[in-house]
Amino acid sequence: MQVSTHASPGKRERTHSAIINAAITLIAEKGLESSSIDDLMATAGMARGTFYNYFQSREEVLHAVICEIQQTLIREVVDHIPANLPAENIVACMLNGYIQFCHDARHIGAALLRIGGFSPWVKIDAEPHCGFERIDQALLQLCGETVSFTSARIYMEGMSNNILCHLLAGRVEENHVKELLSLTLRGLGIREKAIRQSLIVAREFAARIAKHRPA
């Protein structure tokens, strides 16, 4: 009787996940472009040959890393934003929740900054539903007809990653983050009174998701 040499689905999924997690760690430390497949598999604690059972190139790994980070952000941040919030509160919760999560999960935050130019809130696949539609709709509502959605999204993402960069480097403190988030919301055209309320809601939201996240 011939015995199958294929790994069981459970084992394949675990190995696939382990390689992606090793890639995130490696990207956070020195970037994927500065790392070889040997580096990646050594970080994963696996033989080089195992790599080609799951990926054909480092570009495929990067794509998988981006998808994994997106799904993690959806699961850990987006899905916890309360229902029935006004658009400015939704955007503020996403901004503050994103920064809080990436500060707590520093390897993911560092990996995002290393990748550079990548927007974790924009779908990279062909599926019509990427998980960030609620954020997109809130941003569209705030933009109105004064600023294009693309410009507003690039501005929001650029500001959040800039804040994250300084935060992870220890160059800003919590009060600076609050001020920078206020400036970001002001740049999106939100009125001052609404900004103050949105920041209160967003801080409470970020503290809540941090509290319930496994250590």
Protein backbone atom coordinates (compact mmCIF):
# COMPACT_ATOMS: atom_id res chain seq x y z
CA MET A 1 0.00 0.00 0.00
CA GLN A 2 1.34 3.45 -0.95
CA VAL A 3 1.57 5.90 1.91
CA SER A 4 0.85 9.56 1.10
CA THR A 5 3.73 11.92 1.78
CA HIS A 6 1.52 15.01 1.78
CA ALA A 7 1.18 16.85 5.09
CA SER A 8 -2.25 16.88 6.65
CA PRO A 9 -4.26 20.11 6.17
CA GLY A 10 -3.78 20.98 9.82
CA LYS A 11 -0.03 20.60 9.64
CA ARG A 12 0.19 22.48 6.34
CA GLU A 13 -1.76 25.38 7.80
CA ARG A 14 0.45 25.49 10.87
CA THR A 15 3.62 25.40 8.79
CA HIS A 16 2.29 28.05 6.40
CA SER A 17 1.39 30.26 9.37
CA ALA A 18 4.79 29.71 10.98
CA ILE A 19 6.59 30.85 7.82
CA ILE A 20 4.42 33.98 7.60
CA ASN A 21 5.02 34.80 11.26
CA ALA A 22 8.75 34.30 10.76
CA ALA A 23 8.58 36.67 7.78
CA ILE A 24 6.84 39.32 9.89
CA THR A 25 9.59 39.00 12.51
CA LEU A 26 12.30 39.22 9.86
CA ILE A 27 10.69 42.21 8.14
CA ALA A 28 10.39 43.99 11.48
CA GLU A 29 14.09 43.41 12.18
CA LYS A 30 15.69 44.25 8.85
CA GLY A 31 13.20 44.15 5.98
CA LEU A 32 12.46 41.32 3.58
CA GLU A 33 14.57 42.83 0.79
CA SER A 34 17.66 42.46 3.01
CA SER A 35 16.83 38.88 3.93
CA SER A 36 17.39 35.64 2.05
CA ILE A 37 15.16 32.59 1.94
CA ASP A 38 17.78 30.92 4.14
CA ASP A 39 17.34 33.74 6.69
CA LEU A 40 13.58 33.30 6.61
CA MET A 41 13.62 29.56 7.08
CA ALA A 42 16.26 29.78 9.81
CA THR A 43 13.97 32.21 11.64
CA ALA A 44 11.10 29.76 11.17
CA GLY A 45 13.32 26.88 12.35
CA MET A 46 12.78 24.89 9.15
CA ALA A 47 14.83 23.52 6.28
CA ARG A 48 15.19 25.69 3.16
CA GLY A 49 13.48 23.05 1.01
CA THR A 50 10.25 23.44 3.01
CA PHE A 51 9.88 26.98 1.68
CA TYR A 52 9.10 25.80 -1.86
CA ASN A 53 6.27 23.59 -0.65
CA TYR A 54 4.40 26.77 0.26
CA PHE A 55 5.83 29.71 -1.73
CA GLN A 56 7.62 30.27 -5.02
CA SER A 57 9.24 33.62 -4.23
CA ARG A 58 9.79 36.22 -1.55
CA GLU A 59 7.16 38.35 -3.31
CA GLU A 60 4.57 35.67 -2.58
CA VAL A 61 5.63 35.71 1.07
CA LEU A 62 5.22 39.49 1.19
CA HIS A 63 1.73 39.19 -0.29
CA ALA A 64 0.86 36.60 2.36
CA VAL A 65 2.27 38.83 5.10
CA ILE A 66 0.14 41.77 3.94
CA CYS A 67 -2.99 39.60 3.86
CA GLU A 68 -2.22 38.26 7.34
CA ILE A 69 -1.70 41.73 8.79
CA GLN A 70 -4.90 42.97 7.17
CA GLN A 71 -6.91 40.10 8.62
CA THR A 72 -5.33 40.65 12.03
CA LEU A 73 -6.25 44.34 11.98
CA ILE A 74 -9.81 43.49 10.98
CA ARG A 75 -10.08 40.89 13.74
CA GLU A 76 -8.36 42.91 16.48
CA VAL A 77 -9.49 46.45 15.64
CA VAL A 78 -12.13 46.94 12.95
CA ASP A 79 -14.54 44.25 14.14
CA HIS A 80 -14.61 45.80 17.62
CA ILE A 81 -15.57 49.33 16.59
CA PRO A 82 -19.06 49.85 18.10
CA ALA A 83 -22.08 50.02 15.86
CA ASN A 84 -24.09 53.18 15.22
CA LEU A 85 -21.21 55.61 15.62
CA PRO A 86 -21.03 58.81 13.55
CA ALA A 87 -18.44 58.84 10.77
CA GLU A 88 -15.90 60.97 12.66
CA ASN A 89 -15.98 58.57 15.62
CA ILE A 90 -15.46 55.55 13.35
CA VAL A 91 -12.40 57.13 11.73
CA ALA A 92 -11.02 58.24 15.10
CA CYS A 93 -11.49 54.72 16.53
CA MET A 94 -9.71 53.21 13.54
CA LEU A 95 -6.80 55.63 13.84
CA ASN A 96 -6.40 55.27 17.60
CA GLY A 97 -7.09 51.54 17.55
CA TYR A 98 -4.55 51.00 14.76
CA ILE A 99 -1.85 52.94 16.58
CA GLN A 100 -2.62 51.22 19.90
CA PHE A 101 -2.55 47.75 18.33
CA CYS A 102 0.69 48.38 16.43
CA HIS A 103 2.27 49.82 19.56
CA ASP A 104 1.31 46.74 21.59
CA ALA A 105 2.19 44.27 18.82
CA ARG A 106 5.45 46.06 18.03
CA HIS A 107 6.69 43.44 15.58
CA ILE A 108 3.63 44.04 13.40
CA GLY A 109 3.96 47.82 13.72
CA ALA A 110 7.65 47.67 12.83
CA ALA A 111 6.94 45.34 9.90
CA LEU A 112 4.33 47.74 8.51
CA LEU A 113 6.78 50.63 8.68
CA ARG A 114 9.54 48.52 7.08
CA ILE A 115 7.29 47.53 4.18
CA GLY A 116 6.78 51.23 3.46
CA GLY A 117 4.16 52.72 1.21
CA PHE A 118 1.79 49.85 1.91
CA SER A 119 -1.67 50.71 3.10
CA PRO A 120 -3.08 48.03 5.40
CA TRP A 121 -6.56 49.44 4.95
CA VAL A 122 -6.75 48.94 1.19
CA LYS A 123 -7.66 45.59 -0.30
CA ILE A 124 -4.99 43.90 -2.39
CA ASP A 125 -7.12 41.10 -3.77
CA ALA A 126 -9.98 41.07 -6.27
CA GLU A 127 -12.70 40.34 -3.68
CA PRO A 128 -15.29 43.11 -3.42
CA HIS A 129 -15.31 42.83 0.39
CA CYS A 130 -11.99 43.43 2.11
CA GLY A 131 -13.16 44.05 5.68
CA PHE A 132 -12.45 47.79 5.74
CA GLU A 133 -15.63 48.92 3.96
CA ARG A 134 -17.03 50.55 7.09
CA ILE A 135 -13.90 52.67 7.44
CA ASP A 136 -14.03 53.58 3.75
CA GLN A 137 -17.68 54.59 3.98
CA ALA A 138 -17.03 56.76 7.03
CA LEU A 139 -14.16 58.47 5.27
CA LEU A 140 -16.28 59.03 2.17
CA GLN A 141 -18.98 60.60 4.32
CA LEU A 142 -16.46 62.96 5.91
CA CYS A 143 -14.84 63.95 2.61
CA GLY A 144 -18.04 64.98 0.93
CA GLU A 145 -17.29 66.81 -2.29
CA THR A 146 -14.38 68.90 -1.00
CA VAL A 147 -11.56 66.31 -1.06
CA SER A 148 -11.20 63.14 -3.10
CA PHE A 149 -11.49 59.87 -1.23
CA THR A 150 -8.06 58.79 -2.46
CA SER A 151 -6.38 61.93 -1.13
CA ALA A 152 -8.18 61.67 2.22
CA ARG A 153 -7.23 58.01 2.60
CA ILE A 154 -3.57 58.63 1.74
CA TYR A 155 -3.50 61.54 4.19
CA MET A 156 -5.10 59.49 6.98
CA GLU A 157 -2.82 56.51 6.45
CA GLY A 158 0.27 58.68 6.09
CA MET A 159 -0.46 60.50 9.34
CA SER A 160 -1.20 57.30 11.27
CA ASN A 161 2.01 55.63 10.12
CA ASN A 162 4.03 58.79 10.82
CA ILE A 163 2.65 58.89 14.36
CA LEU A 164 3.38 55.18 14.75
CA CYS A 165 6.95 55.63 13.53
CA HIS A 166 7.68 58.30 16.14
CA LEU A 167 5.85 56.38 18.85
CA LEU A 168 7.79 53.15 18.30
CA ALA A 169 11.03 55.13 18.25
CA GLY A 170 10.17 56.69 21.61
CA ARG A 171 10.15 60.23 20.22
CA VAL A 172 6.58 61.07 21.25
CA GLU A 173 4.45 60.47 24.33
CA GLU A 174 0.73 59.89 24.83
CA ASN A 175 -0.10 63.61 24.94
CA HIS A 176 1.67 64.11 21.59
CA VAL A 177 -0.30 61.24 20.07
CA LYS A 178 -3.53 62.92 21.17
CA GLU A 179 -2.44 66.21 19.62
CA LEU A 180 -1.38 64.52 16.38
CA LEU A 181 -4.64 62.61 16.12
CA SER A 182 -6.49 65.86 16.68
CA LEU A 183 -4.53 67.46 13.83
CA THR A 184 -5.28 64.46 11.62
CA LEU A 185 -9.02 64.71 12.24
CA ARG A 186 -8.91 68.47 11.70
CA GLY A 187 -7.21 67.88 8.37
CA LEU A 188 -10.12 65.68 7.35
CA GLY A 189 -12.46 68.62 7.90
CA ILE A 190 -13.97 67.55 11.22
CA ARG A 191 -15.13 70.41 13.44
CA GLU A 192 -13.40 71.13 16.74
CA LYS A 193 -16.26 70.08 19.02
CA ALA A 194 -16.69 66.82 17.13
CA ILE A 195 -12.92 66.20 17.30
CA ARG A 196 -12.91 66.46 21.10
CA GLN A 197 -15.79 64.00 21.42
CA SER A 198 -14.31 61.65 18.83
CA LEU A 199 -10.97 61.51 20.66
CA ILE A 200 -12.73 60.60 23.91
CA VAL A 201 -14.59 57.78 22.18
CA ALA A 202 -11.44 56.63 20.38
CA ARG A 203 -9.28 56.59 23.54
CA GLU A 204 -11.89 54.53 25.37
CA PHE A 205 -12.09 52.18 22.40
CA ALA A 206 -8.30 51.74 22.16
CA ALA A 207 -8.03 51.09 25.89
CA ARG A 208 -10.83 48.52 25.71
CA ILE A 209 -9.33 46.48 22.88
CA ALA A 210 -5.90 46.62 24.51
CA LYS A 211 -7.34 45.36 27.79
CA HIS A 212 -9.03 42.37 26.19
CA ARG A 213 -6.16 41.40 23.91
CA PRO A 214 -4.29 38.28 25.04
CA ALA A 215 -0.84 39.03 26.46
